[in-house]
Amino acid sequence: MCSGCFSLERHRLLIDYIECELPAMLNDSCQILHLAAEACVSWRVRQNANATYVTADNMSQFIDGLEEAPDHVMDITDLNFEDETFDYVICYHVLEHVPDDQQGMGELYRVLKQGGVGLINVPLRRESSQTLEDTTLNDEQRALQYGAADHLRYYGVDDFKSRLERAGFTVMVRDYGRETELDEVKNGIMTHEKIVVSTKA
């Protein structure tokens, strides 16, 4: 974690991806929805004075300083926005906390405009394409198997992609750090972290 902006490796990789691959998000007139907005990412996106930037969170696990107080308190499974409102959606490390993740993905798809892009990421298993999910586990068991007591599942890459596709998205999983040969130390990232790009075609 950066001691200045409190960003983690995944946030720095995301910001690099947005700057290099989605510059319109940072420059053009557009509508952006950010779920559970991380302050370090929000700060960068807010520099686009042409954008309408909206944040939302259900406030169940808000961490002051790391996260930004949301404009709207709402759950990802019931977003109170009209269909096809946003050009971009940012949803990082949220769905692993959501009991009905498929409903959450459906809501993200619904509020995106045609051609809109969702940057929707979760913790992904490197050793398997399958998702671990067992509703009978207690907090201690989830912490051991999923990485945190409040994680309801540990996604496999292929399965996560399939779930997003079932919601309607066209999905591309990018090995962005490796593709661009970013230096882990210089850029403060982990090159195995993937960027999942979900488009409403």
N, C-alpha and C. Protein backbone atom coordinates (compact mmCIF):
# COMPACT_ATOMS: atom_id res chain seq x y z
N MET A 1 0.83 -1.20 0.00
CA MET A 1 0.00 0.00 0.00
C MET A 1 0.87 1.25 0.00
N CYS A 2 0.52 2.21 -0.85
CA CYS A 2 1.21 3.49 -0.87
C CYS A 2 0.87 4.27 0.39
N SER A 3 1.88 4.80 1.05
CA SER A 3 1.65 5.55 2.29
C SER A 3 1.07 6.93 2.03
N GLY A 4 1.10 7.37 0.77
CA GLY A 4 0.56 8.68 0.45
C GLY A 4 -0.90 8.65 0.04
N CYS A 5 -1.21 7.83 -0.98
CA CYS A 5 -2.58 7.79 -1.51
C CYS A 5 -3.35 6.55 -1.10
N PHE A 6 -2.67 5.61 -0.41
CA PHE A 6 -3.27 4.36 0.09
C PHE A 6 -3.71 3.43 -1.04
N SER A 7 -3.12 3.57 -2.21
CA SER A 7 -3.45 2.66 -3.31
C SER A 7 -2.74 1.33 -3.12
N LEU A 8 -3.40 0.27 -3.58
CA LEU A 8 -2.80 -1.06 -3.64
C LEU A 8 -2.34 -1.34 -5.06
N GLU A 9 -1.70 -2.50 -5.25
CA GLU A 9 -1.18 -2.85 -6.57
C GLU A 9 -2.29 -2.83 -7.63
N ARG A 10 -3.46 -3.36 -7.27
CA ARG A 10 -4.55 -3.45 -8.25
C ARG A 10 -5.05 -2.08 -8.67
N HIS A 11 -5.01 -1.12 -7.75
CA HIS A 11 -5.47 0.23 -8.08
C HIS A 11 -4.50 0.90 -9.04
N ARG A 12 -3.21 0.72 -8.81
CA ARG A 12 -2.21 1.33 -9.68
C ARG A 12 -2.26 0.74 -11.09
N LEU A 13 -2.50 -0.58 -11.17
CA LEU A 13 -2.63 -1.21 -12.49
C LEU A 13 -3.89 -0.70 -13.19
N LEU A 14 -4.98 -0.57 -12.45
CA LEU A 14 -6.22 -0.07 -13.03
C LEU A 14 -6.04 1.34 -13.57
N ILE A 15 -5.42 2.21 -12.81
CA ILE A 15 -5.23 3.60 -13.25
C ILE A 15 -4.36 3.64 -14.50
N ASP A 16 -3.31 2.82 -14.54
CA ASP A 16 -2.46 2.76 -15.74
C ASP A 16 -3.28 2.30 -16.93
N TYR A 17 -4.14 1.30 -16.73
CA TYR A 17 -4.98 0.80 -17.83
C TYR A 17 -5.92 1.90 -18.34
N ILE A 18 -6.56 2.60 -17.43
CA ILE A 18 -7.49 3.65 -17.83
C ILE A 18 -6.75 4.74 -18.60
N GLU A 19 -5.60 5.16 -18.09
CA GLU A 19 -4.84 6.23 -18.74
C GLU A 19 -4.40 5.83 -20.16
N CYS A 20 -4.01 4.58 -20.33
CA CYS A 20 -3.46 4.15 -21.62
C CYS A 20 -4.49 3.58 -22.58
N GLU A 21 -5.52 2.90 -22.04
CA GLU A 21 -6.46 2.18 -22.89
C GLU A 21 -7.84 2.85 -22.97
N LEU A 22 -8.20 3.62 -21.98
CA LEU A 22 -9.51 4.29 -21.97
C LEU A 22 -9.35 5.79 -21.68
N PRO A 23 -8.53 6.49 -22.47
CA PRO A 23 -8.28 7.92 -22.18
C PRO A 23 -9.55 8.77 -22.24
N ALA A 24 -10.57 8.31 -22.98
CA ALA A 24 -11.81 9.08 -23.06
C ALA A 24 -12.46 9.22 -21.69
N MET A 25 -12.26 8.23 -20.80
CA MET A 25 -12.82 8.32 -19.47
C MET A 25 -12.23 9.49 -18.69
N LEU A 26 -11.02 9.87 -19.03
CA LEU A 26 -10.32 10.92 -18.30
C LEU A 26 -10.35 12.27 -19.02
N ASN A 27 -10.96 12.31 -20.21
CA ASN A 27 -10.91 13.54 -20.99
C ASN A 27 -12.25 13.98 -21.58
N ASP A 28 -13.06 13.03 -22.01
CA ASP A 28 -14.27 13.37 -22.75
C ASP A 28 -15.48 13.54 -21.85
N SER A 29 -16.53 14.10 -22.42
CA SER A 29 -17.81 14.18 -21.73
C SER A 29 -18.40 12.78 -21.64
N CYS A 30 -18.65 12.29 -20.43
CA CYS A 30 -19.16 10.94 -20.25
C CYS A 30 -19.79 10.80 -18.87
N GLN A 31 -20.53 9.71 -18.70
CA GLN A 31 -21.19 9.39 -17.43
C GLN A 31 -20.48 8.18 -16.83
N ILE A 32 -20.02 8.30 -15.58
CA ILE A 32 -19.24 7.24 -14.94
C ILE A 32 -19.89 6.88 -13.61
N LEU A 33 -20.09 5.58 -13.40
CA LEU A 33 -20.56 5.06 -12.10
C LEU A 33 -19.43 4.26 -11.47
N HIS A 34 -19.14 4.57 -10.21
CA HIS A 34 -18.08 3.88 -9.48
C HIS A 34 -18.68 3.28 -8.21
N LEU A 35 -18.65 1.96 -8.10
CA LEU A 35 -19.18 1.25 -6.94
C LEU A 35 -18.08 1.10 -5.89
N ALA A 36 -18.43 1.38 -4.62
CA ALA A 36 -17.47 1.27 -3.51
C ALA A 36 -16.16 1.98 -3.89
N ALA A 37 -16.27 3.24 -4.19
CA ALA A 37 -15.17 4.00 -4.79
C ALA A 37 -13.96 4.11 -3.88
N GLU A 38 -12.82 3.66 -4.40
CA GLU A 38 -11.55 3.82 -3.70
C GLU A 38 -11.07 5.26 -3.92
N ALA A 39 -10.65 5.90 -2.84
CA ALA A 39 -10.29 7.32 -2.92
C ALA A 39 -9.17 7.56 -3.94
N CYS A 40 -8.20 6.65 -4.03
CA CYS A 40 -7.06 6.85 -4.92
C CYS A 40 -7.49 6.79 -6.39
N VAL A 41 -8.45 5.95 -6.72
CA VAL A 41 -8.95 5.87 -8.09
C VAL A 41 -9.89 7.04 -8.37
N SER A 42 -10.75 7.32 -7.42
CA SER A 42 -11.70 8.43 -7.56
C SER A 42 -10.99 9.75 -7.83
N TRP A 43 -9.92 9.98 -7.12
CA TRP A 43 -9.16 11.23 -7.30
C TRP A 43 -8.71 11.39 -8.74
N ARG A 44 -8.23 10.29 -9.35
CA ARG A 44 -7.73 10.38 -10.72
C ARG A 44 -8.87 10.60 -11.71
N VAL A 45 -9.97 9.88 -11.54
CA VAL A 45 -11.08 10.00 -12.48
C VAL A 45 -11.74 11.37 -12.38
N ARG A 46 -11.80 11.92 -11.17
CA ARG A 46 -12.43 13.23 -10.96
C ARG A 46 -11.67 14.37 -11.65
N GLN A 47 -10.47 14.11 -12.09
CA GLN A 47 -9.72 15.16 -12.79
C GLN A 47 -10.33 15.47 -14.15
N ASN A 48 -11.22 14.61 -14.63
CA ASN A 48 -11.94 14.89 -15.88
C ASN A 48 -13.11 15.81 -15.58
N ALA A 49 -12.92 17.10 -15.84
CA ALA A 49 -13.96 18.08 -15.55
C ALA A 49 -15.17 17.94 -16.48
N ASN A 50 -15.01 17.20 -17.56
CA ASN A 50 -16.10 17.02 -18.53
C ASN A 50 -17.04 15.87 -18.16
N ALA A 51 -16.64 15.05 -17.20
CA ALA A 51 -17.40 13.85 -16.86
C ALA A 51 -18.41 14.13 -15.75
N THR A 52 -19.49 13.36 -15.77
CA THR A 52 -20.39 13.27 -14.62
C THR A 52 -20.03 11.99 -13.90
N TYR A 53 -19.48 12.13 -12.71
CA TYR A 53 -18.94 11.01 -11.95
C TYR A 53 -19.81 10.76 -10.74
N VAL A 54 -20.36 9.55 -10.64
CA VAL A 54 -21.30 9.21 -9.58
C VAL A 54 -20.77 8.00 -8.82
N THR A 55 -20.84 8.06 -7.49
CA THR A 55 -20.40 6.93 -6.67
C THR A 55 -21.57 6.36 -5.89
N ALA A 56 -21.49 5.05 -5.63
CA ALA A 56 -22.55 4.38 -4.87
C ALA A 56 -21.94 3.25 -4.04
N ASP A 57 -22.53 3.02 -2.87
CA ASP A 57 -22.06 1.98 -1.95
C ASP A 57 -23.18 1.68 -0.98
N ASN A 58 -23.26 0.44 -0.52
CA ASN A 58 -24.28 0.14 0.50
C ASN A 58 -23.79 0.44 1.91
N MET A 59 -22.53 0.87 2.03
CA MET A 59 -21.94 1.33 3.30
C MET A 59 -21.85 0.24 4.36
N SER A 60 -21.85 -1.01 3.94
CA SER A 60 -21.77 -2.09 4.93
C SER A 60 -20.35 -2.29 5.46
N GLN A 61 -19.35 -1.88 4.67
CA GLN A 61 -17.96 -2.09 5.10
C GLN A 61 -17.09 -0.88 4.76
N PHE A 62 -17.61 0.30 4.94
CA PHE A 62 -16.90 1.51 4.55
C PHE A 62 -15.65 1.71 5.41
N ILE A 63 -14.53 2.01 4.75
CA ILE A 63 -13.26 2.27 5.43
C ILE A 63 -12.86 3.70 5.15
N ASP A 64 -13.02 4.57 6.12
CA ASP A 64 -12.72 5.98 5.95
C ASP A 64 -11.23 6.18 5.62
N GLY A 65 -10.95 7.02 4.66
CA GLY A 65 -9.58 7.28 4.23
C GLY A 65 -9.20 6.47 3.01
N LEU A 66 -9.58 5.20 3.00
CA LEU A 66 -9.32 4.35 1.85
C LEU A 66 -10.42 4.48 0.81
N GLU A 67 -11.65 4.63 1.32
CA GLU A 67 -12.80 4.73 0.43
C GLU A 67 -13.40 6.12 0.52
N GLU A 68 -14.20 6.44 -0.47
CA GLU A 68 -14.82 7.75 -0.55
C GLU A 68 -16.30 7.64 -0.18
N ALA A 69 -16.78 8.54 0.67
CA ALA A 69 -18.19 8.53 1.02
C ALA A 69 -19.02 8.65 -0.25
N PRO A 70 -19.99 7.75 -0.46
CA PRO A 70 -20.70 7.70 -1.74
C PRO A 70 -21.72 8.81 -1.92
N ASP A 71 -21.99 9.12 -3.18
CA ASP A 71 -23.08 10.04 -3.50
C ASP A 71 -24.43 9.40 -3.21
N HIS A 72 -24.51 8.08 -3.40
CA HIS A 72 -25.76 7.36 -3.21
C HIS A 72 -25.50 6.11 -2.37
N VAL A 73 -26.33 5.89 -1.37
CA VAL A 73 -26.26 4.66 -0.59
C VAL A 73 -27.27 3.69 -1.19
N MET A 74 -26.74 2.66 -1.86
CA MET A 74 -27.61 1.67 -2.50
C MET A 74 -26.82 0.40 -2.72
N ASP A 75 -27.54 -0.69 -2.89
CA ASP A 75 -26.92 -1.99 -3.09
C ASP A 75 -26.72 -2.26 -4.57
N ILE A 76 -25.66 -2.96 -4.90
CA ILE A 76 -25.34 -3.26 -6.30
C ILE A 76 -26.42 -4.12 -6.95
N THR A 77 -27.19 -4.85 -6.15
CA THR A 77 -28.25 -5.70 -6.72
C THR A 77 -29.54 -4.94 -6.97
N ASP A 78 -29.56 -3.67 -6.61
CA ASP A 78 -30.76 -2.84 -6.81
C ASP A 78 -30.34 -1.39 -7.03
N LEU A 79 -29.75 -1.12 -8.18
CA LEU A 79 -29.24 0.21 -8.49
C LEU A 79 -30.39 1.11 -8.94
N ASN A 80 -30.55 2.21 -8.25
CA ASN A 80 -31.67 3.12 -8.53
C ASN A 80 -31.29 4.12 -9.61
N PHE A 81 -30.94 3.60 -10.78
CA PHE A 81 -30.63 4.42 -11.94
C PHE A 81 -31.42 3.89 -13.13
N GLU A 82 -31.69 4.78 -14.07
CA GLU A 82 -32.41 4.37 -15.28
C GLU A 82 -31.54 3.43 -16.13
N ASP A 83 -32.19 2.66 -16.97
CA ASP A 83 -31.48 1.82 -17.93
C ASP A 83 -30.58 2.68 -18.80
N GLU A 84 -29.41 2.14 -19.12
CA GLU A 84 -28.47 2.77 -20.07
C GLU A 84 -28.16 4.22 -19.71
N THR A 85 -27.72 4.40 -18.48
CA THR A 85 -27.37 5.74 -17.97
C THR A 85 -25.89 6.05 -18.14
N PHE A 86 -25.02 5.05 -17.99
CA PHE A 86 -23.58 5.30 -17.84
C PHE A 86 -22.77 4.77 -19.03
N ASP A 87 -21.71 5.53 -19.35
CA ASP A 87 -20.75 5.11 -20.37
C ASP A 87 -19.73 4.14 -19.79
N TYR A 88 -19.43 4.30 -18.50
CA TYR A 88 -18.43 3.47 -17.84
C TYR A 88 -18.92 3.10 -16.45
N VAL A 89 -18.57 1.88 -16.04
CA VAL A 89 -18.80 1.43 -14.67
C VAL A 89 -17.48 0.89 -14.13
N ILE A 90 -17.12 1.31 -12.92
CA ILE A 90 -15.95 0.77 -12.22
C ILE A 90 -16.48 0.02 -11.00
N CYS A 91 -16.13 -1.25 -10.91
CA CYS A 91 -16.61 -2.08 -9.80
C CYS A 91 -15.48 -3.04 -9.43
N TYR A 92 -14.67 -2.63 -8.47
CA TYR A 92 -13.46 -3.38 -8.13
C TYR A 92 -13.57 -4.02 -6.77
N HIS A 93 -13.46 -5.35 -6.75
CA HIS A 93 -13.46 -6.14 -5.51
C HIS A 93 -14.71 -5.86 -4.68
N VAL A 94 -15.85 -6.00 -5.34
CA VAL A 94 -17.16 -5.83 -4.71
C VAL A 94 -17.97 -7.13 -4.77
N LEU A 95 -18.01 -7.77 -5.93
CA LEU A 95 -18.93 -8.89 -6.15
C LEU A 95 -18.65 -10.10 -5.28
N GLU A 96 -17.41 -10.25 -4.80
CA GLU A 96 -17.12 -11.38 -3.92
C GLU A 96 -17.81 -11.25 -2.56
N HIS A 97 -18.34 -10.04 -2.27
CA HIS A 97 -19.06 -9.80 -1.02
C HIS A 97 -20.58 -9.94 -1.18
N VAL A 98 -21.04 -10.12 -2.42
CA VAL A 98 -22.47 -10.02 -2.73
C VAL A 98 -23.10 -11.41 -2.80
N PRO A 99 -24.12 -11.69 -1.97
CA PRO A 99 -24.75 -13.01 -2.02
C PRO A 99 -25.26 -13.38 -3.42
N ASP A 100 -25.98 -12.49 -4.05
CA ASP A 100 -26.50 -12.76 -5.40
C ASP A 100 -25.66 -11.97 -6.41
N ASP A 101 -24.49 -12.50 -6.70
CA ASP A 101 -23.58 -11.78 -7.60
C ASP A 101 -24.13 -11.69 -9.01
N GLN A 102 -24.91 -12.68 -9.44
CA GLN A 102 -25.47 -12.65 -10.79
C GLN A 102 -26.45 -11.49 -10.94
N GLN A 103 -27.23 -11.22 -9.89
CA GLN A 103 -28.13 -10.07 -9.90
C GLN A 103 -27.33 -8.77 -9.96
N GLY A 104 -26.22 -8.70 -9.23
CA GLY A 104 -25.37 -7.52 -9.28
C GLY A 104 -24.79 -7.29 -10.65
N MET A 105 -24.32 -8.35 -11.31
CA MET A 105 -23.79 -8.22 -12.66
C MET A 105 -24.89 -7.76 -13.62
N GLY A 106 -26.09 -8.29 -13.43
CA GLY A 106 -27.21 -7.88 -14.28
C GLY A 106 -27.54 -6.41 -14.15
N GLU A 107 -27.44 -5.90 -12.94
CA GLU A 107 -27.70 -4.48 -12.71
C GLU A 107 -26.62 -3.60 -13.35
N LEU A 108 -25.36 -4.03 -13.26
CA LEU A 108 -24.29 -3.29 -13.92
C LEU A 108 -24.51 -3.24 -15.42
N TYR A 109 -24.92 -4.36 -15.98
CA TYR A 109 -25.21 -4.41 -17.42
C TYR A 109 -26.37 -3.49 -17.78
N ARG A 110 -27.41 -3.52 -16.96
CA ARG A 110 -28.62 -2.72 -17.24
C ARG A 110 -28.32 -1.23 -17.29
N VAL A 111 -27.51 -0.73 -16.35
CA VAL A 111 -27.31 0.72 -16.26
C VAL A 111 -26.25 1.22 -17.25
N LEU A 112 -25.51 0.32 -17.89
CA LEU A 112 -24.55 0.73 -18.92
C LEU A 112 -25.27 1.03 -20.24
N LYS A 113 -24.77 2.03 -20.94
CA LYS A 113 -25.26 2.32 -22.27
C LYS A 113 -24.75 1.27 -23.26
N GLN A 114 -25.41 1.16 -24.40
CA GLN A 114 -24.88 0.33 -25.47
C GLN A 114 -23.48 0.84 -25.83
N GLY A 115 -22.55 -0.07 -25.89
CA GLY A 115 -21.17 0.31 -26.16
C GLY A 115 -20.39 0.70 -24.93
N GLY A 116 -21.09 0.73 -23.78
CA GLY A 116 -20.44 1.10 -22.54
C GLY A 116 -19.47 0.03 -22.05
N VAL A 117 -18.54 0.44 -21.20
CA VAL A 117 -17.48 -0.45 -20.72
C VAL A 117 -17.54 -0.55 -19.20
N GLY A 118 -17.52 -1.78 -18.72
CA GLY A 118 -17.43 -2.03 -17.29
C GLY A 118 -16.06 -2.58 -16.94
N LEU A 119 -15.40 -1.95 -15.98
CA LEU A 119 -14.17 -2.48 -15.41
C LEU A 119 -14.56 -3.16 -14.12
N ILE A 120 -14.81 -4.47 -14.20
CA ILE A 120 -15.40 -5.24 -13.12
C ILE A 120 -14.41 -6.33 -12.73
N ASN A 121 -13.78 -6.17 -11.60
CA ASN A 121 -12.76 -7.11 -11.16
C ASN A 121 -13.09 -7.68 -9.79
N VAL A 122 -12.57 -8.86 -9.53
CA VAL A 122 -12.69 -9.54 -8.25
C VAL A 122 -11.36 -10.24 -7.97
N PRO A 123 -11.13 -10.69 -6.74
CA PRO A 123 -9.97 -11.57 -6.52
C PRO A 123 -10.13 -12.84 -7.36
N LEU A 124 -9.10 -13.18 -8.12
CA LEU A 124 -9.16 -14.33 -9.02
C LEU A 124 -8.12 -15.38 -8.63
N ARG A 125 -8.55 -16.63 -8.66
CA ARG A 125 -7.64 -17.74 -8.37
C ARG A 125 -6.66 -17.92 -9.52
N ARG A 126 -5.40 -17.94 -9.22
CA ARG A 126 -4.41 -18.14 -10.26
C ARG A 126 -4.24 -19.61 -10.63
N GLU A 127 -4.57 -20.49 -9.68
CA GLU A 127 -4.28 -21.91 -9.89
C GLU A 127 -5.46 -22.69 -10.48
N SER A 128 -6.60 -22.04 -10.66
CA SER A 128 -7.76 -22.77 -11.15
C SER A 128 -8.72 -21.84 -11.88
N SER A 129 -9.44 -22.41 -12.85
CA SER A 129 -10.44 -21.64 -13.58
C SER A 129 -11.80 -21.71 -12.92
N GLN A 130 -11.92 -22.57 -11.88
CA GLN A 130 -13.20 -22.78 -11.23
C GLN A 130 -13.34 -21.92 -9.97
N THR A 131 -14.57 -21.54 -9.67
CA THR A 131 -14.87 -20.74 -8.49
C THR A 131 -15.11 -21.64 -7.29
N LEU A 132 -14.53 -21.25 -6.15
CA LEU A 132 -14.84 -21.92 -4.88
C LEU A 132 -16.00 -21.18 -4.24
N GLU A 133 -17.07 -21.91 -3.91
CA GLU A 133 -18.24 -21.27 -3.29
C GLU A 133 -18.98 -22.31 -2.46
N ASP A 134 -19.07 -22.06 -1.17
CA ASP A 134 -19.74 -22.99 -0.26
C ASP A 134 -20.43 -22.17 0.82
N THR A 135 -21.75 -22.14 0.77
CA THR A 135 -22.52 -21.31 1.70
C THR A 135 -22.53 -21.84 3.12
N THR A 136 -22.01 -23.04 3.34
CA THR A 136 -22.01 -23.61 4.70
C THR A 136 -20.78 -23.22 5.51
N LEU A 137 -19.80 -22.58 4.88
CA LEU A 137 -18.56 -22.22 5.58
C LEU A 137 -18.80 -21.11 6.59
N ASN A 138 -18.07 -21.15 7.70
CA ASN A 138 -18.12 -20.06 8.69
C ASN A 138 -17.03 -19.04 8.35
N ASP A 139 -16.97 -17.96 9.13
CA ASP A 139 -16.02 -16.88 8.86
C ASP A 139 -14.58 -17.37 8.82
N GLU A 140 -14.21 -18.20 9.78
CA GLU A 140 -12.84 -18.69 9.83
C GLU A 140 -12.49 -19.53 8.61
N GLN A 141 -13.43 -20.35 8.19
CA GLN A 141 -13.20 -21.19 7.02
C GLN A 141 -13.12 -20.37 5.74
N ARG A 142 -13.98 -19.34 5.64
CA ARG A 142 -13.92 -18.46 4.45
C ARG A 142 -12.60 -17.71 4.40
N ALA A 143 -12.14 -17.24 5.55
CA ALA A 143 -10.86 -16.53 5.59
C ALA A 143 -9.73 -17.43 5.10
N LEU A 144 -9.79 -18.70 5.49
CA LEU A 144 -8.75 -19.64 5.10
C LEU A 144 -8.83 -20.00 3.62
N GLN A 145 -10.03 -20.23 3.12
CA GLN A 145 -10.19 -20.73 1.76
C GLN A 145 -10.37 -19.63 0.72
N TYR A 146 -10.97 -18.49 1.12
CA TYR A 146 -11.28 -17.43 0.16
C TYR A 146 -10.42 -16.18 0.35
N GLY A 147 -9.62 -16.15 1.40
CA GLY A 147 -8.73 -15.02 1.61
C GLY A 147 -9.23 -13.96 2.56
N ALA A 148 -10.52 -14.00 2.90
CA ALA A 148 -11.10 -13.03 3.84
C ALA A 148 -12.42 -13.59 4.36
N ALA A 149 -12.72 -13.29 5.60
CA ALA A 149 -13.94 -13.82 6.22
C ALA A 149 -15.20 -13.30 5.57
N ASP A 150 -15.13 -12.10 4.98
CA ASP A 150 -16.33 -11.52 4.36
C ASP A 150 -16.42 -11.80 2.87
N HIS A 151 -15.55 -12.63 2.34
CA HIS A 151 -15.65 -13.07 0.95
C HIS A 151 -16.56 -14.29 0.88
N LEU A 152 -17.54 -14.25 0.00
CA LEU A 152 -18.50 -15.34 -0.10
C LEU A 152 -18.09 -16.39 -1.12
N ARG A 153 -17.08 -16.08 -1.90
CA ARG A 153 -16.57 -17.03 -2.90
C ARG A 153 -15.18 -16.57 -3.35
N TYR A 154 -14.48 -17.46 -4.04
CA TYR A 154 -13.17 -17.15 -4.60
C TYR A 154 -13.24 -17.55 -6.07
N TYR A 155 -13.32 -16.56 -6.94
CA TYR A 155 -13.61 -16.80 -8.35
C TYR A 155 -12.44 -17.42 -9.10
N GLY A 156 -12.77 -18.32 -10.02
CA GLY A 156 -11.84 -18.77 -11.04
C GLY A 156 -12.00 -17.88 -12.27
N VAL A 157 -10.95 -17.70 -13.02
CA VAL A 157 -10.98 -16.76 -14.15
C VAL A 157 -12.06 -17.14 -15.16
N ASP A 158 -12.07 -18.39 -15.58
CA ASP A 158 -13.02 -18.80 -16.62
C ASP A 158 -14.46 -18.70 -16.11
N ASP A 159 -14.68 -19.09 -14.87
CA ASP A 159 -16.03 -19.05 -14.33
C ASP A 159 -16.51 -17.61 -14.16
N PHE A 160 -15.63 -16.72 -13.71
CA PHE A 160 -16.02 -15.31 -13.56
C PHE A 160 -16.39 -14.73 -14.92
N LYS A 161 -15.59 -15.03 -15.93
CA LYS A 161 -15.88 -14.57 -17.29
C LYS A 161 -17.25 -15.09 -17.73
N SER A 162 -17.53 -16.36 -17.46
CA SER A 162 -18.81 -16.96 -17.86
C SER A 162 -19.98 -16.29 -17.15
N ARG A 163 -19.82 -15.96 -15.89
CA ARG A 163 -20.90 -15.31 -15.15
C ARG A 163 -21.20 -13.93 -15.74
N LEU A 164 -20.17 -13.19 -16.07
CA LEU A 164 -20.37 -11.88 -16.70
C LEU A 164 -21.04 -12.03 -18.06
N GLU A 165 -20.66 -13.03 -18.80
CA GLU A 165 -21.27 -13.28 -20.11
C GLU A 165 -22.74 -13.65 -19.97
N ARG A 166 -23.09 -14.40 -18.94
CA ARG A 166 -24.49 -14.74 -18.70
C ARG A 166 -25.32 -13.50 -18.42
N ALA A 167 -24.68 -12.48 -17.85
CA ALA A 167 -25.38 -11.21 -17.59
C ALA A 167 -25.55 -10.40 -18.87
N GLY A 168 -24.87 -10.79 -19.95
CA GLY A 168 -25.01 -10.11 -21.24
C GLY A 168 -23.74 -9.47 -21.76
N PHE A 169 -22.70 -9.39 -20.95
CA PHE A 169 -21.48 -8.71 -21.34
C PHE A 169 -20.67 -9.50 -22.38
N THR A 170 -19.94 -8.76 -23.20
CA THR A 170 -18.85 -9.31 -23.98
C THR A 170 -17.58 -9.06 -23.16
N VAL A 171 -16.86 -10.13 -22.85
CA VAL A 171 -15.80 -10.04 -21.84
C VAL A 171 -14.43 -10.34 -22.44
N MET A 172 -13.46 -9.50 -22.07
CA MET A 172 -12.08 -9.72 -22.44
C MET A 172 -11.24 -9.67 -21.16
N VAL A 173 -10.49 -10.74 -20.90
CA VAL A 173 -9.61 -10.79 -19.73
C VAL A 173 -8.20 -10.45 -20.19
N ARG A 174 -7.70 -9.34 -19.69
CA ARG A 174 -6.40 -8.84 -20.13
C ARG A 174 -5.31 -9.14 -19.10
N ASP A 175 -4.21 -9.73 -19.57
CA ASP A 175 -2.98 -9.82 -18.78
C ASP A 175 -2.21 -8.53 -19.01
N TYR A 176 -2.80 -7.44 -18.59
CA TYR A 176 -2.33 -6.13 -19.01
C TYR A 176 -0.89 -5.85 -18.59
N GLY A 177 -0.55 -6.18 -17.35
CA GLY A 177 0.81 -5.90 -16.88
C GLY A 177 1.86 -6.62 -17.69
N ARG A 178 1.57 -7.87 -18.03
CA ARG A 178 2.51 -8.67 -18.83
C ARG A 178 2.51 -8.21 -20.28
N GLU A 179 1.31 -7.92 -20.82
CA GLU A 179 1.22 -7.48 -22.22
C GLU A 179 2.05 -6.23 -22.46
N THR A 180 2.02 -5.33 -21.52
CA THR A 180 2.70 -4.04 -21.68
C THR A 180 4.09 -4.03 -21.07
N GLU A 181 4.49 -5.18 -20.48
CA GLU A 181 5.81 -5.34 -19.88
C GLU A 181 6.09 -4.27 -18.82
N LEU A 182 5.06 -4.00 -18.02
CA LEU A 182 5.25 -3.06 -16.92
C LEU A 182 6.17 -3.67 -15.86
N ASP A 183 7.04 -2.86 -15.31
CA ASP A 183 7.97 -3.32 -14.28
C ASP A 183 7.24 -3.34 -12.93
N GLU A 184 7.24 -4.50 -12.27
CA GLU A 184 6.51 -4.63 -11.01
C GLU A 184 7.00 -3.66 -9.95
N VAL A 185 8.31 -3.53 -9.82
CA VAL A 185 8.87 -2.68 -8.77
C VAL A 185 8.68 -1.21 -9.09
N LYS A 186 9.03 -0.82 -10.30
CA LYS A 186 8.92 0.59 -10.69
C LYS A 186 7.48 1.08 -10.64
N ASN A 187 6.54 0.24 -11.09
CA ASN A 187 5.15 0.65 -11.16
C ASN A 187 4.32 0.25 -9.94
N GLY A 188 4.92 -0.52 -9.06
CA GLY A 188 4.23 -0.91 -7.84
C GLY A 188 3.00 -1.75 -8.10
N ILE A 189 3.14 -2.75 -8.99
CA ILE A 189 2.00 -3.59 -9.38
C ILE A 189 2.38 -5.06 -9.22
N MET A 190 1.40 -5.92 -9.43
CA MET A 190 1.64 -7.35 -9.58
C MET A 190 1.21 -7.73 -11.00
N THR A 191 2.15 -8.21 -11.80
CA THR A 191 1.83 -8.43 -13.21
C THR A 191 0.84 -9.57 -13.42
N HIS A 192 0.66 -10.43 -12.41
CA HIS A 192 -0.33 -11.51 -12.59
C HIS A 192 -1.77 -10.99 -12.41
N GLU A 193 -1.93 -9.80 -11.87
CA GLU A 193 -3.28 -9.22 -11.70
C GLU A 193 -3.89 -8.95 -13.08
N LYS A 194 -5.10 -9.42 -13.28
CA LYS A 194 -5.74 -9.27 -14.59
C LYS A 194 -6.72 -8.09 -14.58
N ILE A 195 -6.93 -7.52 -15.75
CA ILE A 195 -7.95 -6.50 -15.95
C ILE A 195 -9.08 -7.16 -16.73
N VAL A 196 -10.28 -7.18 -16.16
CA VAL A 196 -11.43 -7.78 -16.82
C VAL A 196 -12.27 -6.65 -17.43
N VAL A 197 -12.35 -6.64 -18.75
CA VAL A 197 -13.04 -5.58 -19.47
C VAL A 197 -14.36 -6.14 -20.02
N SER A 198 -15.47 -5.58 -19.54
CA SER A 198 -16.80 -6.10 -19.90
C SER A 198 -17.56 -5.02 -20.67
N THR A 199 -17.92 -5.34 -21.89
CA THR A 199 -18.56 -4.37 -22.77
C THR A 199 -20.02 -4.75 -23.04
N LYS A 200 -20.88 -3.73 -23.08
CA LYS A 200 -22.27 -3.94 -23.47
C LYS A 200 -22.36 -3.68 -24.96
N ALA A 201 -22.28 -4.76 -25.73
CA ALA A 201 -22.19 -4.64 -27.18
C ALA A 201 -23.52 -4.18 -27.79
